[in-house]
PDB file of N, CA and C in Angstrom:
ATOM      1  N   MET A   1       1.187  -1.231   0.211  1.00  0.00           N
ATOM      2  CA  MET A   1      -0.040  -0.207   0.182  1.00  0.00           C
ATOM      3  C   MET A   1       1.376   0.876   0.084  1.00  0.00           C
ATOM      4  N   ALA A   2       1.008   1.965  -0.467  1.00  0.00           N
ATOM      5  CA  ALA A   2       1.942   3.076  -1.671  1.00  0.00           C
ATOM      6  C   ALA A   2       0.752   4.019  -1.648  1.00  0.00           C
ATOM      7  N   ARG A   3       1.460   5.590  -0.568  1.00  0.00           N
ATOM      8  CA  ARG A   3       0.181   7.120  -1.626  1.00  0.00           C
ATOM      9  C   ARG A   3       1.770   8.283  -1.549  1.00  0.00           C
ATOM     10  N   ARG A   4       0.898   8.998  -2.526  1.00  0.00           N
ATOM     11  CA  ARG A   4       2.318  10.013  -2.750  1.00  0.00           C
ATOM     12  C   ARG A   4       1.609  11.538  -1.442  1.00  0.00           C
ATOM     13  N   MET A   5       2.059  11.839  -1.364  1.00  0.00           N
ATOM     14  CA  MET A   5       2.220  12.421   0.300  1.00  0.00           C
ATOM     15  C   MET A   5       2.830  14.015  -0.313  1.00  0.00           C
ATOM     16  N   LYS A   6       2.411  15.304   0.369  1.00  0.00           N
ATOM     17  CA  LYS A   6       2.640  16.310   0.277  1.00  0.00           C
ATOM     18  C   LYS A   6       2.682  16.388   1.466  1.00  0.00           C
ATOM     19  N   VAL A   7       4.382  17.344   2.523  1.00  0.00           N
ATOM     20  CA  VAL A   7       4.682  18.216   3.112  1.00  0.00           C
ATOM     21  C   VAL A   7       4.670  18.889   2.680  1.00  0.00           C
ATOM     22  N   GLY A   8       3.726  19.615   4.500  1.00  0.00           N
ATOM     23  CA  GLY A   8       3.438  20.390   4.325  1.00  0.00           C
ATOM     24  C   GLY A   8       4.564  21.589   5.035  1.00  0.00           C
ATOM     25  N   PRO A   9       4.421  23.075   5.580  1.00  0.00           N
ATOM     26  CA  PRO A   9       4.639  23.773   5.859  1.00  0.00           C
ATOM     27  C   PRO A   9       5.471  23.930   6.181  1.00  0.00           C
ATOM     28  N   LYS A  10       4.924  24.115   7.234  1.00  0.00           N
ATOM     29  CA  LYS A  10       6.034  22.569   8.939  1.00  0.00           C
ATOM     30  C   LYS A  10       6.701  21.620   8.364  1.00  0.00           C
ATOM     31  N   GLY A  11       6.757  21.172   7.488  1.00  0.00           N
ATOM     32  CA  GLY A  11       7.434  19.914   7.632  1.00  0.00           C
ATOM     33  C   GLY A  11       6.275  18.740   7.917  1.00  0.00           C
ATOM     34  N   GLN A  12       4.735  18.743   8.089  1.00  0.00           N
ATOM     35  CA  GLN A  12       3.770  18.193   8.042  1.00  0.00           C
ATOM     36  C   GLN A  12       3.500  16.739   7.068  1.00  0.00           C
ATOM     37  N   ILE A  13       3.205  15.754   7.519  1.00  0.00           N
ATOM     38  CA  ILE A  13       2.406  14.828   6.641  1.00  0.00           C
ATOM     39  C   ILE A  13       1.423  14.145   7.119  1.00  0.00           C
ATOM     40  N   VAL A  14       0.024  13.942   6.494  1.00  0.00           N
ATOM     41  CA  VAL A  14      -0.937  13.754   7.117  1.00  0.00           C
ATOM     42  C   VAL A  14      -1.125  11.737   5.983  1.00  0.00           C
ATOM     43  N   ILE A  15      -1.376  11.502   7.721  1.00  0.00           N
ATOM     44  CA  ILE A  15      -1.277   9.614   7.504  1.00  0.00           C
ATOM     45  C   ILE A  15      -2.666   9.087   6.537  1.00  0.00           C
ATOM     46  N   PRO A  16      -2.818   8.863   5.404  1.00  0.00           N
ATOM     47  CA  PRO A  16      -4.504   8.827   5.246  1.00  0.00           C
ATOM     48  C   PRO A  16      -5.304   7.636   5.876  1.00  0.00           C
ATOM     49  N   LYS A  17      -6.012   8.165   6.373  1.00  0.00           N
ATOM     50  CA  LYS A  17      -7.078   7.676   7.360  1.00  0.00           C
ATOM     51  C   LYS A  17      -7.086   5.854   7.380  1.00  0.00           C
ATOM     52  N   ASP A  18      -7.472   5.144   5.928  1.00  0.00           N
ATOM     53  CA  ASP A  18      -7.355   3.895   5.417  1.00  0.00           C
ATOM     54  C   ASP A  18      -6.108   3.316   6.351  1.00  0.00           C
ATOM     55  N   ILE A  19      -4.975   3.904   6.358  1.00  0.00           N
ATOM     56  CA  ILE A  19      -3.671   3.416   7.082  1.00  0.00           C
ATOM     57  C   ILE A  19      -3.358   3.612   8.285  1.00  0.00           C
ATOM     58  N   ARG A  20      -4.201   5.129   8.951  1.00  0.00           N
ATOM     59  CA  ARG A  20      -4.191   5.067  10.273  1.00  0.00           C
ATOM     60  C   ARG A  20      -5.201   3.430  10.073  1.00  0.00           C
ATOM     61  N   ASP A  21      -5.973   3.343  10.130  1.00  0.00           N
ATOM     62  CA  ASP A  21      -8.159   2.626  10.276  1.00  0.00           C
ATOM     63  C   ASP A  21      -6.741   1.844  10.271  1.00  0.00           C
ATOM     64  N   LYS A  22      -6.150   0.880   9.715  1.00  0.00           N
ATOM     65  CA  LYS A  22      -4.986  -0.255   9.497  1.00  0.00           C
ATOM     66  C   LYS A  22      -4.181  -0.273  10.680  1.00  0.00           C
ATOM     67  N   LEU A  23      -3.712   0.562  11.267  1.00  0.00           N
ATOM     68  CA  LEU A  23      -2.170   0.426  11.737  1.00  0.00           C
ATOM     69  C   LEU A  23      -3.320   0.496  13.016  1.00  0.00           C
ATOM     70  N   GLY A  24      -4.283   1.199  13.975  1.00  0.00           N
ATOM     71  CA  GLY A  24      -4.745   1.937  14.665  1.00  0.00           C
ATOM     72  C   GLY A  24      -4.214   2.467  15.111  1.00  0.00           C
ATOM     73  N   ILE A  25      -4.088   3.223  14.779  1.00  0.00           N
ATOM     74  CA  ILE A  25      -3.337   4.993  14.573  1.00  0.00           C
ATOM     75  C   ILE A  25      -4.393   6.495  14.820  1.00  0.00           C
ATOM     76  N   LYS A  26      -4.686   6.565  16.044  1.00  0.00           N
ATOM     77  CA  LYS A  26      -5.179   7.424  16.724  1.00  0.00           C
ATOM     78  C   LYS A  26      -5.129   8.784  16.699  1.00  0.00           C
ATOM     79  N   GLU A  27      -5.663   9.511  17.644  1.00  0.00           N
ATOM     80  CA  GLU A  27      -5.807  11.096  17.875  1.00  0.00           C
ATOM     81  C   GLU A  27      -4.660  11.022  19.162  1.00  0.00           C
ATOM     82  N   PHE A  28      -3.498  11.454  18.671  1.00  0.00           N
ATOM     83  CA  PHE A  28      -2.569  11.592  19.930  1.00  0.00           C
ATOM     84  C   PHE A  28      -1.616  10.717  19.799  1.00  0.00           C
ATOM     85  N   SER A  29      -1.796   9.154  19.317  1.00  0.00           N
ATOM     86  CA  SER A  29      -0.937   7.722  19.855  1.00  0.00           C
ATOM     87  C   SER A  29       0.380   8.211  19.265  1.00  0.00           C
ATOM     88  N   GLU A  30       1.240   7.798  19.463  1.00  0.00           N
ATOM     89  CA  GLU A  30       2.647   7.248  19.385  1.00  0.00           C
ATOM     90  C   GLU A  30       3.266   6.996  18.114  1.00  0.00           C
ATOM     91  N   VAL A  31       3.903   7.419  17.103  1.00  0.00           N
ATOM     92  CA  VAL A  31       4.501   6.774  16.111  1.00  0.00           C
ATOM     93  C   VAL A  31       6.056   7.084  16.285  1.00  0.00           C
ATOM     94  N   LEU A  32       7.224   5.947  15.293  1.00  0.00           N
ATOM     95  CA  LEU A  32       7.842   5.538  15.740  1.00  0.00           C
ATOM     96  C   LEU A  32       8.272   6.233  14.260  1.00  0.00           C
ATOM     97  N   ILE A  33       9.515   6.764  14.128  1.00  0.00           N
ATOM     98  CA  ILE A  33      10.138   8.195  12.852  1.00  0.00           C
ATOM     99  C   ILE A  33      11.409   7.185  12.940  1.00  0.00           C
ATOM    100  N   VAL A  34      11.543   6.139  11.206  1.00  0.00           N
ATOM    101  CA  VAL A  34      12.896   6.161  11.208  1.00  0.00           C
ATOM    102  C   VAL A  34      13.606   6.312   9.597  1.00  0.00           C
ATOM    103  N   LEU A  35      14.852   6.768   9.870  1.00  0.00           N
ATOM    104  CA  LEU A  35      15.402   7.094   8.357  1.00  0.00           C
ATOM    105  C   LEU A  35      16.166   5.745   8.108  1.00  0.00           C
ATOM    106  N   ARG A  36      16.671   5.018   6.832  1.00  0.00           N
ATOM    107  CA  ARG A  36      16.742   4.500   6.631  1.00  0.00           C
ATOM    108  C   ARG A  36      17.170   4.226   4.713  1.00  0.00           C
ATOM    109  N   GLY A  37      18.709   5.108   4.814  1.00  0.00           N
ATOM    110  CA  GLY A  37      19.000   5.566   4.375  1.00  0.00           C
ATOM    111  C   GLY A  37      18.579   6.226   3.429  1.00  0.00           C
ATOM    112  N   THR A  38      18.252   6.012   2.189  1.00  0.00           N
ATOM    113  CA  THR A  38      17.478   7.341   1.589  1.00  0.00           C
ATOM    114  C   THR A  38      14.856   7.274   2.011  1.00  0.00           C
ATOM    115  N   GLU A  39      14.854   6.605   2.556  1.00  0.00           N
ATOM    116  CA  GLU A  39      13.795   6.208   3.038  1.00  0.00           C
ATOM    117  C   GLU A  39      13.385   6.760   4.472  1.00  0.00           C
ATOM    118  N   VAL A  40      11.619   6.979   4.457  1.00  0.00           N
ATOM    119  CA  VAL A  40      11.323   7.679   5.932  1.00  0.00           C
ATOM    120  C   VAL A  40      10.728   6.295   6.479  1.00  0.00           C
ATOM    121  N   VAL A  41      10.552   5.887   7.541  1.00  0.00           N
ATOM    122  CA  VAL A  41      10.274   4.997   7.544  1.00  0.00           C
ATOM    123  C   VAL A  41       9.011   4.848   8.940  1.00  0.00           C
ATOM    124  N   ILE A  42       7.860   5.060   8.971  1.00  0.00           N
ATOM    125  CA  ILE A  42       6.537   5.427   9.969  1.00  0.00           C
ATOM    126  C   ILE A  42       6.063   3.723  10.561  1.00  0.00           C
ATOM    127  N   SER A  43       6.701   3.818  11.604  1.00  0.00           N
ATOM    128  CA  SER A  43       5.619   2.896  11.917  1.00  0.00           C
ATOM    129  C   SER A  43       4.364   3.259  13.060  1.00  0.00           C
ATOM    130  N   ARG A  44       4.013   1.746  14.395  1.00  0.00           N
ATOM    131  CA  ARG A  44       3.394   2.222  14.793  1.00  0.00           C
ATOM    132  C   ARG A  44       4.153   2.120  16.507  1.00  0.00           C
ATOM    133  N   SER A  45       3.711   3.113  16.803  1.00  0.00           N
ATOM    134  CA  SER A  45       5.448   2.569  18.518  1.00  0.00           C
ATOM    135  C   SER A  45       4.270   1.535  19.605  1.00  0.00           C
ATOM    136  N   ALA A  46       5.731   0.807  20.229  1.00  0.00           N
ATOM    137  CA  ALA A  46       4.154  -0.141  20.431  1.00  0.00           C
ATOM    138  C   ALA A  46       4.671   0.902  22.375  1.00  0.00           C
ATOM    139  N   PRO A  47       3.108   0.429  23.172  1.00  0.00           N
ATOM    140  CA  PRO A  47       2.659   1.158  24.464  1.00  0.00           C
ATOM    141  C   PRO A  47       4.298   1.017  25.086  1.00  0.00           C
ATOM    142  N   THR A  48       4.041   1.512  26.231  1.00  0.00           N
ATOM    143  CA  THR A  48       5.136   2.058  26.819  1.00  0.00           C
ATOM    144  C   THR A  48       4.435   1.323  28.283  1.00  0.00           C
ATOM    145  N   SER A  49       5.321   0.830  28.944  1.00  0.00           N
ATOM    146  CA  SER A  49       4.852   0.378  30.203  1.00  0.00           C
ATOM    147  C   SER A  49       4.476   0.973  31.293  1.00  0.00           C
ATOM    148  N   VAL A  50       3.886   1.879  31.939  1.00  0.00           N
ATOM    149  CA  VAL A  50       4.347   2.331  32.992  1.00  0.00           C
ATOM    150  C   VAL A  50       3.423   2.020  33.904  1.00  0.00           C
ATOM    151  N   SER A  51       4.208   1.596  35.749  1.00  0.00           N
ATOM    152  CA  SER A  51       3.680   0.765  35.843  1.00  0.00           C
ATOM    153  C   SER A  51       3.269   2.458  37.341  1.00  0.00           C
ATOM    154  N   HIS A  52       1.772   2.252  38.536  1.00  0.00           N
ATOM    155  CA  HIS A  52       1.031   2.415  38.814  1.00  0.00           C
ATOM    156  C   HIS A  52       1.600   3.947  39.761  1.00  0.00           C
ATOM    157  N   THR A  53       2.219   3.248  40.049  1.00  0.00           N
ATOM    158  CA  THR A  53       3.366   3.904  41.406  1.00  0.00           C
ATOM    159  C   THR A  53       3.558   5.250  39.981  1.00  0.00           C
ATOM    160  N   ASP A  54       4.603   4.563  39.532  1.00  0.00           N
ATOM    161  CA  ASP A  54       5.292   5.993  37.800  1.00  0.00           C
ATOM    162  C   ASP A  54       4.540   6.653  37.809  1.00  0.00           C
ATOM    163  N   PHE A  55       2.481   6.499  36.891  1.00  0.00           N
ATOM    164  CA  PHE A  55       2.033   6.954  36.478  1.00  0.00           C
ATOM    165  C   PHE A  55       1.821   8.041  37.852  1.00  0.00           C
ATOM    166  N   PHE A  56       1.253   7.792  38.350  1.00  0.00           N
ATOM    167  CA  PHE A  56       0.364   8.526  39.706  1.00  0.00           C
ATOM    168  C   PHE A  56       1.690   9.743  40.350  1.00  0.00           C
ATOM    169  N   THR A  57       3.180   8.807  40.724  1.00  0.00           N
ATOM    170  CA  THR A  57       3.578  10.057  40.641  1.00  0.00           C
ATOM    171  C   THR A  57       4.424  10.838  39.827  1.00  0.00           C
ATOM    172  N   THR A  58       4.417  11.432  38.778  1.00  0.00           N
ATOM    173  CA  THR A  58       4.760  11.388  38.153  1.00  0.00           C
ATOM    174  C   THR A  58       3.641  12.659  38.271  1.00  0.00           C
ATOM    175  N   THR A  59       2.489  11.805  38.068  1.00  0.00           N
ATOM    176  CA  THR A  59       1.173  12.982  37.043  1.00  0.00           C
ATOM    177  C   THR A  59       1.017  13.314  38.176  1.00  0.00           C
ATOM    178  N   TYR A  60       0.761  13.156  39.657  1.00  0.00           N
ATOM    179  CA  TYR A  60      -0.361  14.486  40.939  1.00  0.00           C
ATOM    180  C   TYR A  60       1.141  14.877  41.450  1.00  0.00           C
ATOM    181  N   ALA A  61       2.850  14.228  41.230  1.00  0.00           N
ATOM    182  CA  ALA A  61       3.594  14.924  42.501  1.00  0.00           C
ATOM    183  C   ALA A  61       3.325  16.123  42.125  1.00  0.00           C
ATOM    184  N   LYS A  62       2.805  17.037  41.066  1.00  0.00           N
ATOM    185  CA  LYS A  62       3.566  18.632  40.965  1.00  0.00           C
ATOM    186  C   LYS A  62       2.023  19.426  42.047  1.00  0.00           C
ATOM    187  N   LYS A  63       0.612  18.166  41.953  1.00  0.00           N
ATOM    188  CA  LYS A  63       0.297  18.840  43.256  1.00  0.00           C
ATOM    189  C   LYS A  63      -0.385  18.800  44.435  1.00  0.00           C
ATOM    190  N   LEU A  64       0.248  17.878  44.965  1.00  0.00           N
ATOM    191  CA  LEU A  64      -0.066  17.589  46.372  1.00  0.00           C
ATOM    192  C   LEU A  64       1.483  18.473  46.265  1.00  0.00           C
ATOM    193  N   LYS A  65       0.325  18.663  47.999  1.00  0.00           N
ATOM    194  CA  LYS A  65       1.579  19.555  48.790  1.00  0.00           C
ATOM    195  C   LYS A  65       2.009  18.761  49.984  1.00  0.00           C
ATOM    196  N   GLN A  66       2.483  17.794  49.937  1.00  0.00           N
ATOM    197  CA  GLN A  66       3.459  17.805  51.044  1.00  0.00           C
ATOM    198  C   GLN A  66       3.535  16.136  50.266  1.00  0.00           C
ATOM    199  N   LYS A  67       4.845  15.597  50.673  1.00  0.00           N
ATOM    200  CA  LYS A  67       5.056  13.696  49.616  1.00  0.00           C
ATOM    201  C   LYS A  67       4.203  13.511  50.634  1.00  0.00           C
ATOM    202  N   VAL A  68       3.268  12.173  49.956  1.00  0.00           N
ATOM    203  CA  VAL A  68       2.991  11.430  50.012  1.00  0.00           C
ATOM    204  C   VAL A  68       4.332   9.434  49.516  1.00  0.00           C
ATOM    205  N   ASP A  69       3.899   8.832  50.506  1.00  0.00           N
ATOM    206  CA  ASP A  69       4.758   7.042  50.202  1.00  0.00           C
ATOM    207  C   ASP A  69       3.502   6.450  49.990  1.00  0.00           C
ATOM    208  N   LEU A  70       3.689   6.765  48.059  1.00  0.00           N
ATOM    209  CA  LEU A  70       1.799   6.642  47.782  1.00  0.00           C
ATOM    210  C   LEU A  70       2.150   4.069  48.093  1.00  0.00           C
ATOM    211  N   LYS A  71       3.623   3.660  47.949  1.00  0.00           N
ATOM    212  CA  LYS A  71       4.028   2.314  48.399  1.00  0.00           C
ATOM    213  C   LYS A  71       2.933   2.404  49.865  1.00  0.00           C
ATOM    214  N   LYS A  72       2.838   2.947  50.522  1.00  0.00           N
ATOM    215  CA  LYS A  72       2.862   2.685  52.302  1.00  0.00           C
ATOM    216  C   LYS A  72       1.071   2.665  52.120  1.00  0.00           C
ATOM    217  N   VAL A  73       1.249   3.862  51.514  1.00  0.00           N
ATOM    218  CA  VAL A  73      -0.777   3.850  51.588  1.00  0.00           C
ATOM    219  C   VAL A  73      -1.378   2.448  51.141  1.00  0.00           C
ATOM    220  N   LEU A  74      -0.774   2.659  49.315  1.00  0.00           N
ATOM    221  CA  LEU A  74      -0.853   0.886  48.297  1.00  0.00           C
ATOM    222  C   LEU A  74      -1.058  -0.247  49.381  1.00  0.00           C
ATOM    223  N   ASP A  75      -0.169  -0.506  50.215  1.00  0.00           N
ATOM    224  CA  ASP A  75       0.049  -1.347  50.506  1.00  0.00           C
ATOM    225  C   ASP A  75      -0.801  -0.962  52.457  1.00  0.00           C
ATOM    226  N   GLU A  76      -1.099  -0.833  52.906  1.00  0.00           N
ATOM    227  CA  GLU A  76      -2.397   0.018  54.013  1.00  0.00           C
ATOM    228  C   GLU A  76      -3.700   0.222  53.575  1.00  0.00           C
ATOM    229  N   GLU A  77      -3.995  -0.155  51.944  1.00  0.00           N
ATOM    230  CA  GLU A  77      -5.259  -0.141  51.772  1.00  0.00           C
ATOM    231  C   GLU A  77      -5.203  -1.636  51.532  1.00  0.00           C
ATOM    232  N   TYR A  78      -5.076  -2.406  51.021  1.00  0.00           N
ATOM    233  CA  TYR A  78      -3.943  -3.578  51.164  1.00  0.00           C
ATOM    234  C   TYR A  78      -5.101  -4.477  52.227  1.00  0.00           C
ATOM    235  N   GLU A  79      -3.849  -3.944  52.843  1.00  0.00           N
ATOM    236  CA  GLU A  79      -4.724  -5.009  54.525  1.00  0.00           C
ATOM    237  C   GLU A  79      -5.641  -4.740  55.097  1.00  0.00           C
ATOM    238  N   ARG A  80      -5.652  -3.606  55.162  1.00  0.00           N
ATOM    239  CA  ARG A  80      -7.484  -2.861  54.812  1.00  0.00           C
ATOM    240  C   ARG A  80      -8.679  -4.029  54.219  1.00  0.00           C
ATOM    241  N   ASN A  81      -8.230  -3.578  53.260  1.00  0.00           N
ATOM    242  CA  ASN A  81      -9.253  -4.608  52.306  1.00  0.00           C
ATOM    243  C   ASN A  81      -9.040  -6.103  52.079  1.00  0.00           C
ATOM    244  N   LEU A  82      -7.748  -6.859  52.856  1.00  0.00           N
ATOM    245  CA  LEU A  82      -7.581  -8.120  53.758  1.00  0.00           C
ATOM    246  C   LEU A  82      -8.695  -8.340  54.730  1.00  0.00           C
ATOM    247  N   GLN A  83      -8.292  -7.800  56.232  1.00  0.00           N
ATOM    248  CA  GLN A  83      -9.032  -8.171  56.944  1.00  0.00           C
ATOM    249  C   GLN A  83     -10.711  -7.141  57.754  1.00  0.00           C
ATOM    250  N   MET A  84     -11.171  -7.171  55.881  1.00  0.00           N
ATOM    251  CA  MET A  84     -12.331  -6.709  55.665  1.00  0.00           C
ATOM    252  C   MET A  84     -12.853  -8.260  55.801  1.00  0.00           C
ATOM    253  N   LYS A  85     -11.895  -8.865  54.239  1.00  0.00           N
ATOM    254  CA  LYS A  85     -12.778 -10.146  54.063  1.00  0.00           C
ATOM    255  C   LYS A  85     -13.001 -11.425  55.117  1.00  0.00           C
TER     256      LYS A  85
END
C-alpha cells in the first residue's frame, strides 16, 4: 500500500485514514520514525508500560502539597481490604 503525499509548510504529512485505521493509529498516538538510507519509515510505536506507581507519582506529584509514600498507602489499603474479608 503506497501513497504519494505532500509535505506541509511545517514539515508535516498526513497519514491517510485507511492506513491509520489499519495500523490502529488514533489521535495523539505515538509513532516511530526511522531513517533507513533515503527512506523514512513510520510505524506505530509499541505502548510503553508504566507502573501505576510511576504514573500517579509523576502525574499528581506537582499537585500535592506534601510528599506521599504511595507504596505505603497502597500497602495499607491492601491490608485493610484483607481484614474486611
